[in-house]
Amino acid sequence: MTGIAHDTPVPGYYMPTANLLRLWRAEAAESFDLGAFNHGDYYGAVNQKVASETISKVLYPNDEPEAGKQLRLEQSTSSSRARCRT
C-alpha cells in the first residue's frame, strides 16, 4: 500500500499567514489481482483495495449522518456551558 498526501492551505484569521493541513489517503498498489480472480479467489482479487479503503475510512470517518452532527453539537454546547461556569 502507498500513502498519498493531500495538502490543504488553511488561511489564518485576520493574519497574513497560512498553514498546511496534511491529510493522507491509503491507496492499493494493485487494485485488482487478475491471477487470484482467475483461480476463483474473488475476495483475494480485491483484498488490497478493500484494505486501503478501510484504512482511510478509519482515519477519517464520515460525519455527514445526522447522528454525527448531533454529537458534535452536544459536545460544543457542553464545552460552552463549562466555560461560562468558570
PDB file of N, CA and C in Angstrom:
ATOM      1  N   MET A   1       0.827  -1.170   0.000  1.00  0.00           N
ATOM      2  CA  MET A   1       0.000   0.000   0.000  1.00  0.00           C
ATOM      3  C   MET A   1       0.872   1.233   0.000  1.00  0.00           C
ATOM      4  N   THR A   2       0.296   2.293  -0.496  1.00  0.00           N
ATOM      5  CA  THR A   2       1.004   3.558  -0.594  1.00  0.00           C
ATOM      6  C   THR A   2       0.182   4.642   0.086  1.00  0.00           C
ATOM      7  N   GLY A   3       0.832   5.557   0.777  1.00  0.00           N
ATOM      8  CA  GLY A   3       0.157   6.700   1.383  1.00  0.00           C
ATOM      9  C   GLY A   3       0.276   7.899   0.459  1.00  0.00           C
ATOM     10  N   ILE A   4      -0.858   8.499   0.137  1.00  0.00           N
ATOM     11  CA  ILE A   4      -0.896   9.676  -0.727  1.00  0.00           C
ATOM     12  C   ILE A   4      -1.247  10.881   0.142  1.00  0.00           C
ATOM     13  N   ALA A   5      -0.398  11.891   0.129  1.00  0.00           N
ATOM     14  CA  ALA A   5      -0.629  13.099   0.932  1.00  0.00           C
ATOM     15  C   ALA A   5      -1.417  14.127   0.127  1.00  0.00           C
ATOM     16  N   HIS A   6      -2.353  14.775   0.819  1.00  0.00           N
ATOM     17  CA  HIS A   6      -3.119  15.866   0.229  1.00  0.00           C
ATOM     18  C   HIS A   6      -2.965  17.078   1.139  1.00  0.00           C
ATOM     19  N   ASP A   7      -2.347  18.133   0.632  1.00  0.00           N
ATOM     20  CA  ASP A   7      -2.134  19.344   1.411  1.00  0.00           C
ATOM     21  C   ASP A   7      -3.226  20.359   1.106  1.00  0.00           C
ATOM     22  N   THR A   8      -3.804  20.918   2.169  1.00  0.00           N
ATOM     23  CA  THR A   8      -4.838  21.930   2.039  1.00  0.00           C
ATOM     24  C   THR A   8      -4.377  23.167   2.794  1.00  0.00           C
ATOM     25  N   PRO A   9      -4.262  24.322   2.113  1.00  0.00           N
ATOM     26  CA  PRO A   9      -3.874  25.533   2.834  1.00  0.00           C
ATOM     27  C   PRO A   9      -5.018  26.032   3.716  1.00  0.00           C
ATOM     28  N   VAL A  10      -4.675  26.416   4.939  1.00  0.00           N
ATOM     29  CA  VAL A  10      -5.653  26.955   5.880  1.00  0.00           C
ATOM     30  C   VAL A  10      -5.208  28.381   6.213  1.00  0.00           C
ATOM     31  N   PRO A  11      -5.902  29.378   5.666  1.00  0.00           N
ATOM     32  CA  PRO A  11      -5.501  30.765   5.932  1.00  0.00           C
ATOM     33  C   PRO A  11      -5.785  31.149   7.372  1.00  0.00           C
ATOM     34  N   GLY A  12      -4.928  32.018   7.916  1.00  0.00           N
ATOM     35  CA  GLY A  12      -5.112  32.493   9.282  1.00  0.00           C
ATOM     36  C   GLY A  12      -6.260  33.483   9.362  1.00  0.00           C
ATOM     37  N   TYR A  13      -6.856  33.594  10.532  1.00  0.00           N
ATOM     38  CA  TYR A  13      -7.971  34.505  10.774  1.00  0.00           C
ATOM     39  C   TYR A  13      -7.411  35.896  11.017  1.00  0.00           C
ATOM     40  N   TYR A  14      -7.640  36.783  10.076  1.00  0.00           N
ATOM     41  CA  TYR A  14      -7.106  38.153  10.109  1.00  0.00           C
ATOM     42  C   TYR A  14      -5.590  38.157  10.249  1.00  0.00           C
ATOM     43  N   MET A  15      -4.937  37.198   9.625  1.00  0.00           N
ATOM     44  CA  MET A  15      -3.480  37.095   9.653  1.00  0.00           C
ATOM     45  C   MET A  15      -2.988  36.927   8.225  1.00  0.00           C
ATOM     46  N   PRO A  16      -1.797  37.390   7.924  1.00  0.00           N
ATOM     47  CA  PRO A  16      -1.270  37.248   6.563  1.00  0.00           C
ATOM     48  C   PRO A  16      -0.574  35.907   6.320  1.00  0.00           C
ATOM     49  N   THR A  17      -0.828  34.929   7.172  1.00  0.00           N
ATOM     50  CA  THR A  17      -0.161  33.637   7.037  1.00  0.00           C
ATOM     51  C   THR A  17      -1.160  32.530   6.724  1.00  0.00           C
ATOM     52  N   ALA A  18      -0.625  31.423   6.261  1.00  0.00           N
ATOM     53  CA  ALA A  18      -1.434  30.229   6.017  1.00  0.00           C
ATOM     54  C   ALA A  18      -0.634  29.008   6.452  1.00  0.00           C
ATOM     55  N   ASN A  19      -1.313  28.051   7.003  1.00  0.00           N
ATOM     56  CA  ASN A  19      -0.692  26.788   7.400  1.00  0.00           C
ATOM     57  C   ASN A  19      -1.198  25.688   6.484  1.00  0.00           C
ATOM     58  N   LEU A  20      -0.436  24.620   6.403  1.00  0.00           N
ATOM     59  CA  LEU A  20      -0.859  23.488   5.597  1.00  0.00           C
ATOM     60  C   LEU A  20      -1.449  22.404   6.480  1.00  0.00           C
ATOM     61  N   LEU A  21      -2.611  21.915   6.074  1.00  0.00           N
ATOM     62  CA  LEU A  21      -3.231  20.767   6.724  1.00  0.00           C
ATOM     63  C   LEU A  21      -2.977  19.574   5.819  1.00  0.00           C
ATOM     64  N   ARG A  22      -2.232  18.615   6.311  1.00  0.00           N
ATOM     65  CA  ARG A  22      -1.894  17.441   5.504  1.00  0.00           C
ATOM     66  C   ARG A  22      -2.781  16.277   5.905  1.00  0.00           C
ATOM     67  N   LEU A  23      -3.569  15.789   4.954  1.00  0.00           N
ATOM     68  CA  LEU A  23      -4.405  14.619   5.135  1.00  0.00           C
ATOM     69  C   LEU A  23      -3.844  13.500   4.267  1.00  0.00           C
ATOM     70  N   TRP A  24      -4.059  12.270   4.689  1.00  0.00           N
ATOM     71  CA  TRP A  24      -3.496  11.119   3.990  1.00  0.00           C
ATOM     72  C   TRP A  24      -4.592  10.218   3.463  1.00  0.00           C
ATOM     73  N   ARG A  25      -4.304   9.559   2.361  1.00  0.00           N
ATOM     74  CA  ARG A  25      -5.192   8.552   1.793  1.00  0.00           C
ATOM     75  C   ARG A  25      -4.348   7.329   1.475  1.00  0.00           C
ATOM     76  N   ALA A  26      -4.832   6.177   1.894  1.00  0.00           N
ATOM     77  CA  ALA A  26      -4.143   4.926   1.576  1.00  0.00           C
ATOM     78  C   ALA A  26      -4.616   4.447   0.209  1.00  0.00           C
ATOM     79  N   GLU A  27      -3.681   3.983  -0.585  1.00  0.00           N
ATOM     80  CA  GLU A  27      -4.015   3.510  -1.933  1.00  0.00           C
ATOM     81  C   GLU A  27      -3.322   2.170  -2.168  1.00  0.00           C
ATOM     82  N   ALA A  28      -4.068   1.238  -2.738  1.00  0.00           N
ATOM     83  CA  ALA A  28      -3.517  -0.085  -3.016  1.00  0.00           C
ATOM     84  C   ALA A  28      -2.555  -0.013  -4.192  1.00  0.00           C
ATOM     85  N   ALA A  29      -1.462  -0.756  -4.110  1.00  0.00           N
ATOM     86  CA  ALA A  29      -0.516  -0.803  -5.221  1.00  0.00           C
ATOM     87  C   ALA A  29      -1.152  -1.473  -6.429  1.00  0.00           C
ATOM     88  N   GLU A  30      -1.978  -2.468  -6.167  1.00  0.00           N
ATOM     89  CA  GLU A  30      -2.686  -3.170  -7.232  1.00  0.00           C
ATOM     90  C   GLU A  30      -4.147  -3.272  -6.814  1.00  0.00           C
ATOM     91  N   SER A  31      -5.053  -2.621  -7.553  1.00  0.00           N
ATOM     92  CA  SER A  31      -6.448  -2.592  -7.135  1.00  0.00           C
ATOM     93  C   SER A  31      -7.201  -3.872  -7.465  1.00  0.00           C
ATOM     94  N   PHE A  32      -6.731  -4.650  -8.438  1.00  0.00           N
ATOM     95  CA  PHE A  32      -7.420  -5.885  -8.820  1.00  0.00           C
ATOM     96  C   PHE A  32      -6.385  -6.902  -9.259  1.00  0.00           C
ATOM     97  N   ASP A  33      -6.383  -8.052  -8.609  1.00  0.00           N
ATOM     98  CA  ASP A  33      -5.427  -9.115  -8.918  1.00  0.00           C
ATOM     99  C   ASP A  33      -6.110 -10.132  -9.837  1.00  0.00           C
ATOM    100  N   LEU A  34      -5.830 -10.036 -11.118  1.00  0.00           N
ATOM    101  CA  LEU A  34      -6.475 -10.894 -12.106  1.00  0.00           C
ATOM    102  C   LEU A  34      -6.096 -12.356 -11.916  1.00  0.00           C
ATOM    103  N   GLY A  35      -4.875 -12.630 -11.480  1.00  0.00           N
ATOM    104  CA  GLY A  35      -4.441 -14.010 -11.246  1.00  0.00           C
ATOM    105  C   GLY A  35      -5.259 -14.682 -10.153  1.00  0.00           C
ATOM    106  N   ALA A  36      -5.495 -13.974  -9.039  1.00  0.00           N
ATOM    107  CA  ALA A  36      -6.316 -14.527  -7.952  1.00  0.00           C
ATOM    108  C   ALA A  36      -7.755 -14.711  -8.413  1.00  0.00           C
ATOM    109  N   PHE A  37      -8.254 -13.774  -9.203  1.00  0.00           N
ATOM    110  CA  PHE A  37      -9.614 -13.873  -9.724  1.00  0.00           C
ATOM    111  C   PHE A  37      -9.777 -15.099 -10.617  1.00  0.00           C
ATOM    112  N   ASN A  38      -8.791 -15.345 -11.477  1.00  0.00           N
ATOM    113  CA  ASN A  38      -8.853 -16.497 -12.379  1.00  0.00           C
ATOM    114  C   ASN A  38      -8.808 -17.830 -11.636  1.00  0.00           C
ATOM    115  N   HIS A  39      -8.217 -17.837 -10.435  1.00  0.00           N
ATOM    116  CA  HIS A  39      -8.161 -19.056  -9.631  1.00  0.00           C
ATOM    117  C   HIS A  39      -9.390 -19.189  -8.734  1.00  0.00           C
ATOM    118  N   GLY A  40     -10.357 -18.302  -8.848  1.00  0.00           N
ATOM    119  CA  GLY A  40     -11.581 -18.394  -8.056  1.00  0.00           C
ATOM    120  C   GLY A  40     -11.539 -17.684  -6.725  1.00  0.00           C
ATOM    121  N   ASP A  41     -10.443 -17.013  -6.427  1.00  0.00           N
ATOM    122  CA  ASP A  41     -10.329 -16.274  -5.166  1.00  0.00           C
ATOM    123  C   ASP A  41     -10.839 -14.853  -5.388  1.00  0.00           C
ATOM    124  N   TYR A  42     -12.152 -14.676  -5.348  1.00  0.00           N
ATOM    125  CA  TYR A  42     -12.750 -13.386  -5.674  1.00  0.00           C
ATOM    126  C   TYR A  42     -12.466 -12.333  -4.608  1.00  0.00           C
ATOM    127  N   TYR A  43     -12.473 -12.737  -3.353  1.00  0.00           N
ATOM    128  CA  TYR A  43     -12.139 -11.796  -2.287  1.00  0.00           C
ATOM    129  C   TYR A  43     -10.663 -11.395  -2.358  1.00  0.00           C
ATOM    130  N   GLY A  44      -9.809 -12.365  -2.595  1.00  0.00           N
ATOM    131  CA  GLY A  44      -8.380 -12.083  -2.694  1.00  0.00           C
ATOM    132  C   GLY A  44      -8.034 -11.172  -3.858  1.00  0.00           C
ATOM    133  N   ALA A  45      -8.878 -11.163  -4.877  1.00  0.00           N
ATOM    134  CA  ALA A  45      -8.626 -10.314  -6.046  1.00  0.00           C
ATOM    135  C   ALA A  45      -8.747  -8.830  -5.711  1.00  0.00           C
ATOM    136  N   VAL A  46      -9.588  -8.503  -4.735  1.00  0.00           N
ATOM    137  CA  VAL A  46      -9.788  -7.091  -4.387  1.00  0.00           C
ATOM    138  C   VAL A  46      -9.376  -6.796  -2.945  1.00  0.00           C
ATOM    139  N   ASN A  47      -8.700  -7.732  -2.301  1.00  0.00           N
ATOM    140  CA  ASN A  47      -8.341  -7.603  -0.897  1.00  0.00           C
ATOM    141  C   ASN A  47      -7.501  -6.358  -0.616  1.00  0.00           C
ATOM    142  N   GLN A  48      -6.502  -6.063  -1.434  1.00  0.00           N
ATOM    143  CA  GLN A  48      -5.655  -4.894  -1.203  1.00  0.00           C
ATOM    144  C   GLN A  48      -6.443  -3.597  -1.314  1.00  0.00           C
ATOM    145  N   LYS A  49      -7.325  -3.507  -2.275  1.00  0.00           N
ATOM    146  CA  LYS A  49      -8.120  -2.297  -2.454  1.00  0.00           C
ATOM    147  C   LYS A  49      -9.059  -2.090  -1.275  1.00  0.00           C
ATOM    148  N   VAL A  50      -9.702  -3.160  -0.813  1.00  0.00           N
ATOM    149  CA  VAL A  50     -10.615  -3.073   0.323  1.00  0.00           C
ATOM    150  C   VAL A  50      -9.851  -2.652   1.580  1.00  0.00           C
ATOM    151  N   ALA A  51      -8.679  -3.211   1.786  1.00  0.00           N
ATOM    152  CA  ALA A  51      -7.874  -2.869   2.959  1.00  0.00           C
ATOM    153  C   ALA A  51      -7.448  -1.402   2.933  1.00  0.00           C
ATOM    154  N   SER A  52      -7.062  -0.894   1.775  1.00  0.00           N
ATOM    155  CA  SER A  52      -6.645   0.507   1.694  1.00  0.00           C
ATOM    156  C   SER A  52      -7.823   1.446   1.930  1.00  0.00           C
ATOM    157  N   GLU A  53      -9.007   1.094   1.435  1.00  0.00           N
ATOM    158  CA  GLU A  53     -10.186   1.928   1.667  1.00  0.00           C
ATOM    159  C   GLU A  53     -10.584   1.899   3.144  1.00  0.00           C
ATOM    160  N   THR A  54     -10.418   0.759   3.791  1.00  0.00           N
ATOM    161  CA  THR A  54     -10.754   0.641   5.201  1.00  0.00           C
ATOM    162  C   THR A  54      -9.845   1.515   6.046  1.00  0.00           C
ATOM    163  N   ILE A  55      -8.563   1.557   5.727  1.00  0.00           N
ATOM    164  CA  ILE A  55      -7.627   2.408   6.470  1.00  0.00           C
ATOM    165  C   ILE A  55      -8.057   3.858   6.372  1.00  0.00           C
ATOM    166  N   SER A  56      -8.403   4.333   5.183  1.00  0.00           N
ATOM    167  CA  SER A  56      -8.817   5.723   5.008  1.00  0.00           C
ATOM    168  C   SER A  56     -10.118   6.016   5.758  1.00  0.00           C
ATOM    169  N   LYS A  57     -11.037   5.065   5.775  1.00  0.00           N
ATOM    170  CA  LYS A  57     -12.311   5.272   6.479  1.00  0.00           C
ATOM    171  C   LYS A  57     -12.114   5.332   7.987  1.00  0.00           C
ATOM    172  N   VAL A  58     -11.153   4.580   8.507  1.00  0.00           N
ATOM    173  CA  VAL A  58     -10.886   4.608   9.942  1.00  0.00           C
ATOM    174  C   VAL A  58     -10.207   5.921  10.318  1.00  0.00           C
ATOM    175  N   LEU A  59      -9.286   6.383   9.496  1.00  0.00           N
ATOM    176  CA  LEU A  59      -8.585   7.631   9.789  1.00  0.00           C
ATOM    177  C   LEU A  59      -9.503   8.845   9.714  1.00  0.00           C
ATOM    178  N   TYR A  60     -10.399   8.864   8.734  1.00  0.00           N
ATOM    179  CA  TYR A  60     -11.281   9.999   8.508  1.00  0.00           C
ATOM    180  C   TYR A  60     -12.721   9.512   8.374  1.00  0.00           C
ATOM    181  N   PRO A  61     -13.401   9.240   9.500  1.00  0.00           N
ATOM    182  CA  PRO A  61     -14.778   8.741   9.412  1.00  0.00           C
ATOM    183  C   PRO A  61     -15.719   9.808   8.877  1.00  0.00           C
ATOM    184  N   ASN A  62     -16.800   9.374   8.281  1.00  0.00           N
ATOM    185  CA  ASN A  62     -17.793  10.265   7.714  1.00  0.00           C
ATOM    186  C   ASN A  62     -18.617  10.880   8.835  1.00  0.00           C
ATOM    187  N   ASP A  63     -18.699  12.208   8.884  1.00  0.00           N
ATOM    188  CA  ASP A  63     -19.519  12.870   9.893  1.00  0.00           C
ATOM    189  C   ASP A  63     -20.771  13.492   9.281  1.00  0.00           C
ATOM    190  N   GLU A  64     -21.142  13.037   8.093  1.00  0.00           N
ATOM    191  CA  GLU A  64     -22.339  13.550   7.436  1.00  0.00           C
ATOM    192  C   GLU A  64     -23.653  13.049   8.028  1.00  0.00           C
ATOM    193  N   PRO A  65     -23.734  11.817   8.558  1.00  0.00           N
ATOM    194  CA  PRO A  65     -25.016  11.379   9.109  1.00  0.00           C
ATOM    195  C   PRO A  65     -25.480  12.295  10.243  1.00  0.00           C
ATOM    196  N   GLU A  66     -26.769  12.373  10.433  1.00  0.00           N
ATOM    197  CA  GLU A  66     -27.345  13.258  11.454  1.00  0.00           C
ATOM    198  C   GLU A  66     -26.814  12.947  12.843  1.00  0.00           C
ATOM    199  N   ALA A  67     -26.555  11.662  13.146  1.00  0.00           N
ATOM    200  CA  ALA A  67     -26.039  11.285  14.464  1.00  0.00           C
ATOM    201  C   ALA A  67     -24.668  11.922  14.714  1.00  0.00           C
ATOM    202  N   GLY A  68     -23.824  11.987  13.705  1.00  0.00           N
ATOM    203  CA  GLY A  68     -22.514  12.609  13.863  1.00  0.00           C
ATOM    204  C   GLY A  68     -22.615  14.104  14.095  1.00  0.00           C
ATOM    205  N   LYS A  69     -23.540  14.757  13.397  1.00  0.00           N
ATOM    206  CA  LYS A  69     -23.735  16.197  13.582  1.00  0.00           C
ATOM    207  C   LYS A  69     -24.303  16.484  14.965  1.00  0.00           C
ATOM    208  N   GLN A  70     -25.220  15.624  15.433  1.00  0.00           N
ATOM    209  CA  GLN A  70     -25.829  15.818  16.747  1.00  0.00           C
ATOM    210  C   GLN A  70     -24.779  15.686  17.839  1.00  0.00           C
ATOM    211  N   LEU A  71     -23.908  14.694  17.732  1.00  0.00           N
ATOM    212  CA  LEU A  71     -22.863  14.500  18.729  1.00  0.00           C
ATOM    213  C   LEU A  71     -21.938  15.709  18.772  1.00  0.00           C
ATOM    214  N   ARG A  72     -21.568  16.229  17.601  1.00  0.00           N
ATOM    215  CA  ARG A  72     -20.693  17.392  17.539  1.00  0.00           C
ATOM    216  C   ARG A  72     -21.366  18.599  18.186  1.00  0.00           C
ATOM    217  N   LEU A  73     -22.681  18.786  17.966  1.00  0.00           N
ATOM    218  CA  LEU A  73     -23.420  19.896  18.550  1.00  0.00           C
ATOM    219  C   LEU A  73     -23.482  19.763  20.058  1.00  0.00           C
ATOM    220  N   GLU A  74     -23.731  18.555  20.567  1.00  0.00           N
ATOM    221  CA  GLU A  74     -23.784  18.339  22.014  1.00  0.00           C
ATOM    222  C   GLU A  74     -22.434  18.604  22.664  1.00  0.00           C
ATOM    223  N   GLN A  75     -21.356  18.201  22.013  1.00  0.00           N
ATOM    224  CA  GLN A  75     -20.025  18.427  22.571  1.00  0.00           C
ATOM    225  C   GLN A  75     -19.706  19.913  22.622  1.00  0.00           C
ATOM    226  N   SER A  76     -20.074  20.664  21.581  1.00  0.00           N
ATOM    227  CA  SER A  76     -19.759  22.088  21.562  1.00  0.00           C
ATOM    228  C   SER A  76     -20.595  22.853  22.581  1.00  0.00           C
ATOM    229  N   THR A  77     -21.871  22.476  22.783  1.00  0.00           N
ATOM    230  CA  THR A  77     -22.697  23.187  23.762  1.00  0.00           C
ATOM    231  C   THR A  77     -22.271  22.855  25.183  1.00  0.00           C
ATOM    232  N   SER A  78     -21.863  21.603  25.441  1.00  0.00           N
ATOM    233  CA  SER A  78     -21.428  21.255  26.795  1.00  0.00           C
ATOM    234  C   SER A  78     -20.117  21.944  27.136  1.00  0.00           C
ATOM    235  N   SER A  79     -19.212  22.098  26.178  1.00  0.00           N
ATOM    236  CA  SER A  79     -17.955  22.794  26.458  1.00  0.00           C
ATOM    237  C   SER A  79     -18.207  24.286  26.628  1.00  0.00           C
ATOM    238  N   SER A  80     -19.214  24.840  25.933  1.00  0.00           N
ATOM    239  CA  SER A  80     -19.551  26.256  26.100  1.00  0.00           C
ATOM    240  C   SER A  80     -20.117  26.508  27.489  1.00  0.00           C
ATOM    241  N   ARG A  81     -20.960  25.589  27.965  1.00  0.00           N
ATOM    242  CA  ARG A  81     -21.529  25.725  29.318  1.00  0.00           C
ATOM    243  C   ARG A  81     -20.428  25.649  30.362  1.00  0.00           C
ATOM    244  N   ALA A  82     -19.476  24.774  30.171  1.00  0.00           N
ATOM    245  CA  ALA A  82     -18.385  24.630  31.145  1.00  0.00           C
ATOM    246  C   ALA A  82     -17.556  25.907  31.201  1.00  0.00           C
ATOM    247  N   ARG A  83     -17.356  26.556  30.065  1.00  0.00           N
ATOM    248  CA  ARG A  83     -16.590  27.796  30.055  1.00  0.00           C
ATOM    249  C   ARG A  83     -17.352  28.921  30.731  1.00  0.00           C
ATOM    250  N   CYS A  84     -18.673  28.945  30.608  1.00  0.00           N
ATOM    251  CA  CYS A  84     -19.476  30.006  31.211  1.00  0.00           C
ATOM    252  C   CYS A  84     -19.499  29.902  32.731  1.00  0.00           C
ATOM    253  N   ARG A  85     -19.403  28.681  33.266  1.00  0.00           N
ATOM    254  CA  ARG A  85     -19.439  28.473  34.717  1.00  0.00           C
ATOM    255  C   ARG A  85     -18.161  28.932  35.404  1.00  0.00           C
ATOM    256  N   THR A  86     -17.054  28.923  34.681  1.00  0.00           N
ATOM    257  CA  THR A  86     -15.772  29.264  35.333  1.00  0.00           C
ATOM    258  C   THR A  86     -15.505  30.733  35.295  1.00  0.00           C
TER     259      THR A  86
END
